[in-house]
């Protein structure tokens, strides 16, 4: 009935002993571990199998196996009510597994980066306390003279190319 199926095309199908082992192997964000554990406990799982891109969780009773990915858990029926904590899961229709629904993991709702600090209205201390230096005036060009032989301008040492 709910037997362990054969290997995937990539040959990566292998059973896991525990959910924690499966989550570590698939590098699922630790922020999602408690959430996924609550789902697995609420549904009732008999075995966990590596399917390459996801973990397949075989249910005890009737119902499709769950597919636990990095950002989602898929395989819920339309009329299924799973309560995690005190709130029911918000299930969304699956595009890849047509009659089933999926739940998004909590890490997808966390901000990716910290909020940027707001710019203060006060002027910067460095621009207020230090007076600006006056702009440098250009140095007048110096005349070193012209060579009487080749009529080239002499350099600062008083020489030219013909010397």
N, C-alpha and C. Protein backbone atom coordinates (compact mmCIF):
# COMPACT_ATOMS: atom_id res chain seq x y z
N UNK A 1 0.83 -1.19 0.00
CA UNK A 1 0.00 0.00 0.00
C UNK A 1 0.88 1.25 0.00
N UNK A 2 1.41 1.66 1.12
CA UNK A 2 2.32 2.80 1.19
C UNK A 2 3.75 2.28 1.31
N UNK A 3 4.18 1.54 0.29
CA UNK A 3 5.51 0.96 0.31
C UNK A 3 6.53 1.98 -0.14
N UNK A 4 7.75 1.75 0.25
CA UNK A 4 8.83 2.62 -0.19
C UNK A 4 9.03 2.38 -1.67
N UNK A 5 9.02 3.45 -2.45
CA UNK A 5 9.14 3.32 -3.89
C UNK A 5 10.60 3.17 -4.29
N UNK A 6 10.81 2.84 -5.55
CA UNK A 6 12.16 2.64 -6.07
C UNK A 6 12.96 3.91 -6.14
N UNK A 7 14.20 3.81 -6.61
CA UNK A 7 15.08 4.97 -6.65
C UNK A 7 14.64 5.99 -7.69
N UNK A 8 15.08 7.20 -7.49
CA UNK A 8 14.82 8.27 -8.45
C UNK A 8 15.72 8.08 -9.66
N UNK A 9 15.48 8.79 -10.74
CA UNK A 9 16.35 8.65 -11.92
C UNK A 9 17.82 8.93 -11.60
N UNK A 10 18.08 9.81 -10.62
CA UNK A 10 19.47 10.12 -10.27
C UNK A 10 20.05 9.05 -9.35
N UNK A 11 19.24 8.13 -8.87
CA UNK A 11 19.71 7.08 -7.99
C UNK A 11 19.99 7.54 -6.57
N UNK A 12 19.35 8.63 -6.14
CA UNK A 12 19.63 9.19 -4.81
C UNK A 12 18.63 8.76 -3.76
N UNK A 13 17.76 7.80 -4.07
CA UNK A 13 16.72 7.40 -3.14
C UNK A 13 17.32 6.57 -2.01
N UNK A 14 17.17 7.05 -0.78
CA UNK A 14 17.61 6.29 0.38
C UNK A 14 16.76 6.71 1.56
N UNK A 15 16.48 5.81 2.46
CA UNK A 15 15.65 6.16 3.62
C UNK A 15 16.48 6.89 4.68
N UNK A 16 15.80 7.73 5.43
CA UNK A 16 16.42 8.42 6.58
C UNK A 16 15.90 7.79 7.85
N UNK A 17 16.72 7.77 8.88
CA UNK A 17 16.30 7.22 10.18
C UNK A 17 15.43 8.20 10.93
N UNK A 18 15.81 9.48 10.88
CA UNK A 18 15.06 10.50 11.64
C UNK A 18 14.80 11.71 10.75
N UNK A 19 13.86 12.52 11.18
CA UNK A 19 13.56 13.76 10.45
C UNK A 19 14.73 14.73 10.56
N UNK A 20 15.36 14.79 11.73
CA UNK A 20 16.49 15.71 11.91
C UNK A 20 17.62 15.37 10.93
N UNK A 21 17.88 14.09 10.73
CA UNK A 21 18.90 13.65 9.77
C UNK A 21 18.53 14.09 8.36
N UNK A 22 17.28 13.93 7.99
CA UNK A 22 16.82 14.32 6.65
C UNK A 22 16.92 15.82 6.44
N UNK A 23 16.55 16.60 7.43
CA UNK A 23 16.60 18.06 7.30
C UNK A 23 18.04 18.55 7.19
N UNK A 24 18.95 17.94 7.95
CA UNK A 24 20.36 18.31 7.85
C UNK A 24 20.92 17.93 6.48
N UNK A 25 20.57 16.76 5.99
CA UNK A 25 21.09 16.28 4.71
C UNK A 25 20.65 17.17 3.55
N UNK A 26 19.45 17.71 3.64
CA UNK A 26 18.93 18.58 2.58
C UNK A 26 19.24 20.04 2.82
N UNK A 27 19.98 20.33 3.87
CA UNK A 27 20.40 21.70 4.22
C UNK A 27 19.22 22.65 4.32
N UNK A 28 18.19 22.19 4.97
CA UNK A 28 17.01 23.03 5.18
C UNK A 28 17.31 23.97 6.34
N UNK A 29 16.91 25.21 6.18
CA UNK A 29 17.19 26.27 7.16
C UNK A 29 16.74 25.83 8.55
N UNK A 30 17.62 25.94 9.55
CA UNK A 30 17.25 25.55 10.91
C UNK A 30 16.03 26.30 11.47
N UNK A 31 15.73 27.47 10.93
CA UNK A 31 14.55 28.21 11.36
C UNK A 31 13.26 27.45 11.02
N UNK A 32 13.33 26.53 10.06
CA UNK A 32 12.15 25.76 9.63
C UNK A 32 12.02 24.42 10.33
N UNK A 33 13.02 23.97 11.07
CA UNK A 33 13.00 22.63 11.65
C UNK A 33 11.81 22.40 12.58
N UNK A 34 11.53 23.33 13.48
CA UNK A 34 10.41 23.16 14.41
C UNK A 34 9.08 23.13 13.67
N UNK A 35 8.96 23.98 12.65
CA UNK A 35 7.73 24.04 11.85
C UNK A 35 7.49 22.72 11.12
N UNK A 36 8.52 22.19 10.48
CA UNK A 36 8.40 20.94 9.74
C UNK A 36 8.14 19.78 10.69
N UNK A 37 8.79 19.78 11.83
CA UNK A 37 8.56 18.73 12.84
C UNK A 37 7.12 18.74 13.30
N UNK A 38 6.55 19.92 13.51
CA UNK A 38 5.14 20.02 13.92
C UNK A 38 4.21 19.48 12.84
N UNK A 39 4.51 19.75 11.58
CA UNK A 39 3.70 19.23 10.47
C UNK A 39 3.77 17.71 10.44
N UNK A 40 4.98 17.16 10.53
CA UNK A 40 5.18 15.71 10.47
C UNK A 40 4.47 15.03 11.65
N UNK A 41 4.54 15.63 12.83
CA UNK A 41 3.85 15.07 13.99
C UNK A 41 2.33 15.13 13.83
N UNK A 42 1.82 16.21 13.26
CA UNK A 42 0.37 16.36 13.09
C UNK A 42 -0.19 15.39 12.05
N UNK A 43 0.58 15.14 10.99
CA UNK A 43 0.11 14.28 9.90
C UNK A 43 0.30 12.81 10.24
N UNK A 44 1.42 12.47 10.84
CA UNK A 44 1.74 11.08 11.13
C UNK A 44 2.50 10.46 9.98
N UNK A 45 3.79 10.31 10.15
CA UNK A 45 4.68 9.83 9.09
C UNK A 45 5.30 8.49 9.50
N UNK A 46 5.37 7.56 8.54
CA UNK A 46 5.99 6.27 8.82
C UNK A 46 7.44 6.21 8.36
N UNK A 47 7.76 6.84 7.24
CA UNK A 47 9.13 6.80 6.74
C UNK A 47 9.45 8.07 5.96
N UNK A 48 10.75 8.34 5.88
CA UNK A 48 11.27 9.50 5.16
C UNK A 48 12.27 9.01 4.13
N UNK A 49 12.13 9.47 2.88
CA UNK A 49 12.97 8.99 1.79
C UNK A 49 13.58 10.18 1.05
N UNK A 50 14.86 10.07 0.73
CA UNK A 50 15.54 11.09 -0.07
C UNK A 50 15.13 10.93 -1.52
N UNK A 51 14.59 11.97 -2.10
CA UNK A 51 14.19 11.94 -3.51
C UNK A 51 14.97 12.95 -4.35
N UNK A 52 16.12 13.34 -3.87
CA UNK A 52 16.94 14.28 -4.64
C UNK A 52 16.67 15.71 -4.25
N UNK A 53 15.65 16.32 -4.86
CA UNK A 53 15.34 17.72 -4.58
C UNK A 53 14.45 17.90 -3.36
N UNK A 54 13.85 16.85 -2.86
CA UNK A 54 12.95 16.95 -1.71
C UNK A 54 13.00 15.68 -0.88
N UNK A 55 12.40 15.75 0.30
CA UNK A 55 12.27 14.58 1.17
C UNK A 55 10.83 14.10 1.02
N UNK A 56 10.65 12.82 0.73
CA UNK A 56 9.31 12.27 0.63
C UNK A 56 8.95 11.67 1.98
N UNK A 57 7.84 12.15 2.55
CA UNK A 57 7.38 11.67 3.85
C UNK A 57 6.12 10.83 3.62
N UNK A 58 6.22 9.53 3.86
CA UNK A 58 5.10 8.60 3.66
C UNK A 58 4.19 8.65 4.89
N UNK A 59 2.89 8.86 4.65
CA UNK A 59 1.92 8.97 5.75
C UNK A 59 1.54 7.60 6.31
N UNK A 60 1.06 7.61 7.55
CA UNK A 60 0.57 6.38 8.19
C UNK A 60 -0.71 5.89 7.54
N UNK A 61 -1.66 6.77 7.39
CA UNK A 61 -2.97 6.39 6.87
C UNK A 61 -3.12 6.79 5.42
N UNK A 62 -4.34 7.16 5.11
CA UNK A 62 -4.65 7.59 3.75
C UNK A 62 -4.04 8.97 3.49
N UNK A 63 -3.84 9.25 2.25
CA UNK A 63 -3.32 10.56 1.86
C UNK A 63 -2.03 10.44 1.09
N UNK A 64 -1.79 11.45 0.31
CA UNK A 64 -0.58 11.48 -0.51
C UNK A 64 0.64 11.72 0.36
N UNK A 65 1.78 11.22 -0.07
CA UNK A 65 3.00 11.51 0.68
C UNK A 65 3.33 13.00 0.59
N UNK A 66 3.94 13.51 1.63
CA UNK A 66 4.36 14.91 1.63
C UNK A 66 5.72 15.03 0.95
N UNK A 67 5.90 16.12 0.24
CA UNK A 67 7.19 16.45 -0.34
C UNK A 67 7.72 17.64 0.44
N UNK A 68 8.80 17.44 1.18
CA UNK A 68 9.38 18.50 2.01
C UNK A 68 10.59 19.06 1.28
N UNK A 69 10.47 20.28 0.79
CA UNK A 69 11.56 20.95 0.09
C UNK A 69 12.22 21.98 1.01
N UNK A 70 13.12 22.76 0.46
CA UNK A 70 13.80 23.78 1.26
C UNK A 70 12.86 24.88 1.71
N UNK A 71 11.88 25.25 0.90
CA UNK A 71 11.02 26.39 1.21
C UNK A 71 9.54 26.05 1.33
N UNK A 72 9.19 24.79 1.15
CA UNK A 72 7.77 24.42 1.13
C UNK A 72 7.58 22.99 1.61
N UNK A 73 6.34 22.66 1.95
CA UNK A 73 5.92 21.27 2.17
C UNK A 73 4.66 21.08 1.34
N UNK A 74 4.66 20.10 0.44
CA UNK A 74 3.60 19.90 -0.53
C UNK A 74 2.96 18.52 -0.33
N UNK A 75 1.65 18.41 -0.64
CA UNK A 75 0.98 17.11 -0.60
C UNK A 75 -0.25 17.09 0.29
N UNK A 76 -0.78 18.24 0.66
CA UNK A 76 -1.97 18.31 1.50
C UNK A 76 -3.22 18.27 0.64
N UNK A 77 -4.28 17.67 1.17
CA UNK A 77 -5.57 17.64 0.48
C UNK A 77 -6.27 18.98 0.69
N UNK A 78 -7.25 19.27 -0.17
CA UNK A 78 -7.96 20.55 -0.10
C UNK A 78 -8.72 20.70 1.21
N UNK A 79 -9.28 19.62 1.73
CA UNK A 79 -10.09 19.70 2.94
C UNK A 79 -9.28 19.40 4.21
N UNK A 80 -7.99 19.25 4.09
CA UNK A 80 -7.14 18.91 5.23
C UNK A 80 -6.88 20.15 6.09
N UNK A 81 -7.01 19.98 7.40
CA UNK A 81 -6.77 21.07 8.33
C UNK A 81 -5.64 20.66 9.27
N UNK A 82 -4.51 21.34 9.14
CA UNK A 82 -3.34 21.08 9.97
C UNK A 82 -3.13 22.31 10.84
N UNK A 83 -3.14 22.11 12.16
CA UNK A 83 -2.96 23.23 13.09
C UNK A 83 -1.55 23.15 13.67
N UNK A 84 -0.78 24.22 13.47
CA UNK A 84 0.57 24.33 14.01
C UNK A 84 0.54 25.45 15.04
N UNK A 85 0.89 25.11 16.27
CA UNK A 85 0.76 26.09 17.35
C UNK A 85 -0.71 26.30 17.61
N UNK A 86 -1.19 27.48 17.35
CA UNK A 86 -2.63 27.75 17.50
C UNK A 86 -3.27 28.21 16.20
N UNK A 87 -2.49 28.19 15.12
CA UNK A 87 -3.01 28.67 13.84
C UNK A 87 -3.01 27.55 12.80
N UNK A 88 -4.06 27.48 11.98
CA UNK A 88 -4.06 26.48 10.90
C UNK A 88 -3.10 26.90 9.79
N UNK A 89 -2.56 25.91 9.10
CA UNK A 89 -1.67 26.21 7.97
C UNK A 89 -2.44 26.92 6.87
N UNK A 90 -1.77 27.89 6.26
CA UNK A 90 -2.37 28.56 5.09
C UNK A 90 -1.91 27.80 3.86
N UNK A 91 -2.79 26.97 3.34
CA UNK A 91 -2.46 26.11 2.20
C UNK A 91 -2.78 26.83 0.90
N UNK A 92 -1.90 26.64 -0.08
CA UNK A 92 -2.07 27.24 -1.39
C UNK A 92 -2.08 26.14 -2.43
N UNK A 93 -2.85 26.29 -3.51
CA UNK A 93 -2.91 25.23 -4.52
C UNK A 93 -1.56 25.03 -5.20
N UNK A 94 -1.21 23.76 -5.39
CA UNK A 94 0.06 23.41 -6.00
C UNK A 94 -0.05 23.46 -7.51
N UNK A 95 0.97 24.00 -8.16
CA UNK A 95 0.99 24.01 -9.62
C UNK A 95 1.61 22.74 -10.16
N UNK A 96 2.57 22.17 -9.45
CA UNK A 96 3.25 20.97 -9.91
C UNK A 96 2.51 19.68 -9.59
N UNK A 97 1.82 19.65 -8.46
CA UNK A 97 1.03 18.47 -8.05
C UNK A 97 -0.42 18.91 -7.98
N UNK A 98 -1.07 18.90 -9.09
CA UNK A 98 -2.37 19.54 -9.31
C UNK A 98 -3.43 19.41 -8.21
N UNK A 99 -3.85 18.25 -7.75
CA UNK A 99 -4.96 18.28 -6.79
C UNK A 99 -4.52 18.61 -5.37
N UNK A 100 -3.22 18.76 -5.14
CA UNK A 100 -2.71 18.95 -3.79
C UNK A 100 -2.40 20.42 -3.49
N UNK A 101 -2.14 20.66 -2.21
CA UNK A 101 -1.85 22.01 -1.73
C UNK A 101 -0.52 22.00 -1.01
N UNK A 102 0.09 23.18 -0.88
CA UNK A 102 1.38 23.28 -0.20
C UNK A 102 1.35 24.40 0.84
N UNK A 103 2.31 24.33 1.77
CA UNK A 103 2.49 25.36 2.78
C UNK A 103 3.92 25.89 2.66
N UNK A 104 4.07 27.19 2.78
CA UNK A 104 5.38 27.83 2.69
C UNK A 104 6.02 27.82 4.07
N UNK A 105 7.32 27.54 4.13
CA UNK A 105 8.04 27.50 5.40
C UNK A 105 8.26 28.92 5.95
N UNK A 106 8.38 29.06 7.27
CA UNK A 106 8.50 30.39 7.88
C UNK A 106 9.72 31.19 7.44
N UNK A 107 10.81 30.55 7.07
CA UNK A 107 12.01 31.30 6.68
C UNK A 107 11.77 32.16 5.45
N UNK A 108 10.77 31.83 4.66
CA UNK A 108 10.46 32.62 3.47
C UNK A 108 9.79 33.94 3.81
N UNK A 109 9.29 34.06 5.03
CA UNK A 109 8.63 35.29 5.45
C UNK A 109 9.55 36.21 6.22
N UNK A 110 10.75 35.73 6.60
CA UNK A 110 11.70 36.54 7.35
C UNK A 110 12.39 37.51 6.39
N UNK A 111 12.75 38.70 6.88
CA UNK A 111 13.44 39.64 6.00
C UNK A 111 14.81 39.08 5.61
N UNK A 112 15.20 39.30 4.37
CA UNK A 112 16.47 38.79 3.88
C UNK A 112 17.65 39.51 4.53
N UNK A 113 17.52 40.82 4.74
CA UNK A 113 18.57 41.59 5.40
C UNK A 113 17.93 42.47 6.45
N UNK A 114 18.75 42.97 7.33
CA UNK A 114 18.24 43.88 8.36
C UNK A 114 17.81 45.18 7.71
N UNK A 115 16.85 45.84 8.33
CA UNK A 115 16.35 47.10 7.79
C UNK A 115 17.45 48.14 7.83
N UNK A 116 17.59 48.93 6.77
CA UNK A 116 18.63 49.95 6.76
C UNK A 116 18.34 51.03 7.80
N UNK A 117 19.41 51.58 8.35
CA UNK A 117 19.24 52.63 9.34
C UNK A 117 18.77 53.89 8.65
N UNK A 118 17.91 54.63 9.34
CA UNK A 118 17.42 55.88 8.79
C UNK A 118 18.49 56.95 8.93
N UNK A 119 18.58 57.80 7.94
CA UNK A 119 19.56 58.88 7.98
C UNK A 119 19.13 59.91 9.03
N UNK A 120 20.09 60.38 9.79
CA UNK A 120 19.76 61.38 10.81
C UNK A 120 19.63 62.75 10.16
N UNK A 121 18.87 63.60 10.77
CA UNK A 121 18.64 64.95 10.24
C UNK A 121 19.77 65.91 10.63
N UNK A 122 20.56 65.56 11.62
CA UNK A 122 21.63 66.44 12.08
C UNK A 122 22.77 66.42 11.07
N UNK A 123 23.42 67.58 10.88
CA UNK A 123 24.56 67.59 9.97
C UNK A 123 25.72 66.80 10.54
N UNK A 124 26.59 66.35 9.66
CA UNK A 124 27.73 65.56 10.11
C UNK A 124 28.67 66.43 10.93
N UNK A 125 29.26 65.82 11.94
CA UNK A 125 30.15 66.55 12.84
C UNK A 125 31.40 67.03 12.12
N UNK A 126 31.91 66.23 11.19
CA UNK A 126 33.16 66.61 10.52
C UNK A 126 32.98 67.84 9.65
N UNK A 127 31.81 68.00 9.04
CA UNK A 127 31.61 69.15 8.18
C UNK A 127 31.29 70.41 8.97
N UNK A 128 30.80 70.27 10.17
CA UNK A 128 30.44 71.43 10.98
C UNK A 128 31.65 71.98 11.71
N UNK A 129 32.48 71.11 12.30
CA UNK A 129 33.55 71.56 13.18
C UNK A 129 34.80 72.00 12.42
N UNK A 130 35.11 71.40 11.29
CA UNK A 130 36.35 71.73 10.58
C UNK A 130 36.06 72.75 9.49
N UNK A 131 36.78 73.88 9.52
CA UNK A 131 36.58 74.86 8.43
C UNK A 131 37.19 74.33 7.15
N UNK A 132 36.64 74.75 6.05
CA UNK A 132 37.14 74.30 4.76
C UNK A 132 38.44 75.02 4.43
N UNK A 133 39.33 74.28 3.82
CA UNK A 133 40.60 74.86 3.40
C UNK A 133 40.36 75.67 2.12
N UNK A 134 41.03 76.82 2.01
CA UNK A 134 40.84 77.60 0.78
C UNK A 134 41.42 76.84 -0.41
N UNK A 135 40.83 77.08 -1.57
CA UNK A 135 41.31 76.42 -2.78
C UNK A 135 42.70 76.93 -3.12
N UNK A 136 43.53 76.02 -3.62
CA UNK A 136 44.89 76.38 -4.00
C UNK A 136 44.85 77.24 -5.25
N UNK A 137 45.65 78.31 -5.25
CA UNK A 137 45.72 79.17 -6.44
C UNK A 137 46.75 78.57 -7.38
N UNK A 138 46.51 78.64 -8.67
CA UNK A 138 47.48 78.06 -9.61
C UNK A 138 48.79 78.83 -9.57
N UNK A 139 49.86 78.10 -9.68
CA UNK A 139 51.20 78.70 -9.69
C UNK A 139 51.45 79.29 -11.07
N UNK A 140 51.99 80.48 -11.08
CA UNK A 140 52.29 81.13 -12.36
C UNK A 140 53.40 80.34 -13.05
N UNK A 141 53.25 80.19 -14.35
CA UNK A 141 54.27 79.45 -15.09
C UNK A 141 55.57 80.23 -15.05
N UNK A 142 56.64 79.51 -14.89
CA UNK A 142 57.95 80.13 -14.83
C UNK A 142 58.59 80.10 -16.20
N UNK A 143 59.34 81.11 -16.47
CA UNK A 143 60.03 81.19 -17.75
C UNK A 143 61.49 80.83 -17.52
N UNK A 144 61.94 79.73 -18.16
CA UNK A 144 63.32 79.29 -18.00
C UNK A 144 64.19 79.73 -19.19
N UNK A 145 63.56 80.37 -20.12
CA UNK A 145 64.30 80.87 -21.27
C UNK A 145 64.22 79.94 -22.45
N UNK A 146 64.80 80.42 -23.57
CA UNK A 146 64.77 79.68 -24.82
C UNK A 146 66.22 79.46 -25.27
N UNK A 147 66.46 78.28 -25.80
CA UNK A 147 67.79 77.92 -26.28
C UNK A 147 68.09 78.75 -27.54
N UNK A 148 69.32 79.32 -27.62
CA UNK A 148 69.70 80.13 -28.78
C UNK A 148 70.00 79.28 -30.01
N UNK A 149 70.29 77.97 -29.81
CA UNK A 149 70.66 77.11 -30.92
C UNK A 149 69.42 76.46 -31.55
N UNK A 150 68.59 75.81 -30.71
CA UNK A 150 67.44 75.05 -31.27
C UNK A 150 66.11 75.73 -31.01
N UNK A 151 66.09 76.79 -30.29
CA UNK A 151 64.89 77.57 -29.98
C UNK A 151 63.83 76.78 -29.20
N UNK A 152 64.27 75.82 -28.41
CA UNK A 152 63.37 75.04 -27.54
C UNK A 152 63.37 75.70 -26.15
N UNK A 153 62.29 75.49 -25.42
CA UNK A 153 62.20 76.03 -24.07
C UNK A 153 63.13 75.22 -23.17
N UNK A 154 63.90 75.90 -22.36
CA UNK A 154 64.83 75.23 -21.45
C UNK A 154 64.05 74.64 -20.27
N UNK A 155 64.60 73.58 -19.65
CA UNK A 155 63.97 72.97 -18.48
C UNK A 155 64.39 73.72 -17.22
N UNK A 156 63.93 73.27 -16.06
CA UNK A 156 64.21 73.97 -14.81
C UNK A 156 65.70 74.01 -14.50
N UNK A 157 66.47 73.07 -15.04
CA UNK A 157 67.92 73.07 -14.81
C UNK A 157 68.64 74.00 -15.78
N UNK A 158 67.90 74.57 -16.74
CA UNK A 158 68.50 75.48 -17.70
C UNK A 158 69.06 74.79 -18.91
N UNK A 159 68.70 73.54 -19.14
CA UNK A 159 69.21 72.80 -20.28
C UNK A 159 68.12 72.58 -21.31
N UNK A 160 68.49 72.19 -22.50
CA UNK A 160 67.55 71.82 -23.56
C UNK A 160 68.02 70.54 -24.20
N UNK A 161 67.39 70.14 -25.30
CA UNK A 161 67.71 68.86 -25.93
C UNK A 161 69.04 68.88 -26.68
N UNK A 162 69.45 70.00 -27.08
CA UNK A 162 70.69 70.06 -27.88
C UNK A 162 71.94 70.17 -27.01
N UNK A 163 71.82 70.38 -25.73
CA UNK A 163 72.97 70.49 -24.85
C UNK A 163 73.60 69.17 -24.56
